[in-house]
N, C-alpha and C. Protein backbone atom coordinates (compact mmCIF):
# COMPACT_ATOMS: atom_id res chain seq x y z
N MET A 1 -17.96 4.05 7.26
CA MET A 1 -16.61 4.13 7.79
C MET A 1 -16.14 5.59 7.81
N ASP A 2 -15.81 6.07 8.97
CA ASP A 2 -15.35 7.45 9.08
C ASP A 2 -13.87 7.55 8.74
N GLU A 3 -13.54 8.47 7.86
CA GLU A 3 -12.13 8.67 7.57
C GLU A 3 -11.58 9.68 8.54
N LYS A 4 -10.41 9.36 9.09
CA LYS A 4 -9.79 10.27 10.04
C LYS A 4 -8.51 10.81 9.42
N LEU A 5 -8.45 12.10 9.23
CA LEU A 5 -7.25 12.68 8.65
C LEU A 5 -6.24 12.97 9.76
N VAL A 6 -5.02 12.52 9.53
CA VAL A 6 -3.97 12.74 10.52
C VAL A 6 -2.80 13.42 9.85
N LYS A 7 -2.25 14.42 10.52
CA LYS A 7 -1.08 15.09 9.95
C LYS A 7 0.13 14.18 10.13
N ILE A 8 0.91 14.05 9.09
CA ILE A 8 2.11 13.20 9.15
C ILE A 8 3.01 13.64 10.31
N GLU A 9 3.11 14.94 10.52
CA GLU A 9 3.99 15.45 11.58
C GLU A 9 3.59 14.94 12.96
N GLU A 10 2.32 14.57 13.11
CA GLU A 10 1.84 14.14 14.42
C GLU A 10 2.05 12.66 14.67
N LEU A 11 2.48 11.93 13.65
CA LEU A 11 2.68 10.49 13.81
C LEU A 11 4.01 10.21 14.50
N THR A 12 4.01 9.14 15.29
CA THR A 12 5.25 8.71 15.91
C THR A 12 6.04 7.90 14.90
N ASN A 13 7.30 7.62 15.20
CA ASN A 13 8.11 6.82 14.28
C ASN A 13 7.49 5.46 14.03
N ASP A 14 7.00 4.82 15.08
CA ASP A 14 6.39 3.50 14.92
C ASP A 14 5.19 3.55 13.98
N GLU A 15 4.39 4.58 14.12
CA GLU A 15 3.22 4.72 13.26
C GLU A 15 3.63 4.96 11.81
N LEU A 16 4.69 5.74 11.63
CA LEU A 16 5.18 5.99 10.27
C LEU A 16 5.69 4.71 9.64
N VAL A 17 6.40 3.92 10.41
CA VAL A 17 6.92 2.65 9.90
C VAL A 17 5.78 1.74 9.50
N LYS A 18 4.75 1.67 10.34
CA LYS A 18 3.60 0.81 10.03
C LYS A 18 2.90 1.31 8.77
N LEU A 19 2.70 2.60 8.68
CA LEU A 19 2.06 3.19 7.50
C LEU A 19 2.87 2.87 6.25
N TYR A 20 4.17 3.03 6.34
CA TYR A 20 5.06 2.75 5.21
C TYR A 20 4.96 1.29 4.79
N GLN A 21 4.95 0.39 5.77
CA GLN A 21 4.85 -1.04 5.46
C GLN A 21 3.51 -1.37 4.82
N ASP A 22 2.45 -0.74 5.32
CA ASP A 22 1.12 -0.95 4.73
C ASP A 22 1.11 -0.53 3.26
N ILE A 23 1.71 0.63 3.00
CA ILE A 23 1.76 1.13 1.62
C ILE A 23 2.55 0.17 0.74
N LEU A 24 3.68 -0.31 1.25
CA LEU A 24 4.49 -1.25 0.48
C LEU A 24 3.72 -2.52 0.17
N GLN A 25 2.95 -2.99 1.15
CA GLN A 25 2.14 -4.20 0.93
C GLN A 25 1.14 -3.96 -0.19
N HIS A 26 0.49 -2.80 -0.18
CA HIS A 26 -0.49 -2.48 -1.22
C HIS A 26 0.16 -2.41 -2.59
N ILE A 27 1.34 -1.77 -2.64
CA ILE A 27 2.05 -1.66 -3.92
C ILE A 27 2.42 -3.04 -4.42
N LYS A 28 2.91 -3.89 -3.53
CA LYS A 28 3.30 -5.25 -3.93
C LYS A 28 2.08 -6.00 -4.45
N PHE A 29 0.98 -5.87 -3.75
CA PHE A 29 -0.25 -6.53 -4.17
C PHE A 29 -0.68 -6.05 -5.56
N LEU A 30 -0.63 -4.74 -5.76
CA LEU A 30 -1.01 -4.17 -7.06
C LEU A 30 -0.08 -4.65 -8.15
N ASN A 31 1.21 -4.67 -7.87
CA ASN A 31 2.18 -5.14 -8.86
C ASN A 31 1.91 -6.59 -9.22
N ASP A 32 1.66 -7.41 -8.22
CA ASP A 32 1.38 -8.83 -8.48
C ASP A 32 0.13 -8.96 -9.35
N SER A 33 -0.87 -8.16 -9.08
CA SER A 33 -2.12 -8.21 -9.85
C SER A 33 -1.85 -7.83 -11.30
N ILE A 34 -1.08 -6.78 -11.49
CA ILE A 34 -0.78 -6.31 -12.85
C ILE A 34 0.02 -7.38 -13.59
N ILE A 35 1.00 -7.96 -12.92
CA ILE A 35 1.83 -9.00 -13.55
C ILE A 35 0.96 -10.18 -13.94
N ASN A 36 0.07 -10.59 -13.07
CA ASN A 36 -0.80 -11.73 -13.37
C ASN A 36 -1.70 -11.43 -14.56
N GLU A 37 -2.21 -10.23 -14.63
CA GLU A 37 -3.09 -9.85 -15.74
C GLU A 37 -2.32 -9.86 -17.06
N SER A 38 -1.12 -9.34 -17.05
CA SER A 38 -0.35 -9.30 -18.29
C SER A 38 0.05 -10.71 -18.71
N ASP A 39 0.28 -11.59 -17.76
CA ASP A 39 0.59 -12.98 -18.09
C ASP A 39 -0.60 -13.62 -18.80
N ASP A 40 -1.80 -13.34 -18.30
CA ASP A 40 -3.01 -13.91 -18.90
C ASP A 40 -3.15 -13.47 -20.36
N LYS A 41 -2.81 -12.23 -20.64
CA LYS A 41 -2.97 -11.71 -22.00
C LYS A 41 -1.96 -12.31 -22.96
N ASN A 42 -0.83 -12.74 -22.44
CA ASN A 42 0.22 -13.29 -23.30
C ASN A 42 -0.09 -14.70 -23.79
N GLU A 43 -0.98 -15.39 -23.13
CA GLU A 43 -1.27 -16.78 -23.50
C GLU A 43 -2.09 -16.87 -24.78
C-alpha cells in the first residue's frame, strides 16, 4: 500500500470534513475498545 502525503493546505473543505470524521470514528472506536477492556478487568 503506497502512502500518499498530502498537505493540509491543499485539501478542500469537503476533504477536511471527511478526514475529521474519519479521525473521530477511529477515536470513538479506540475509546470503546479501551472501555470494554477495562470492564473485563473489573469482573
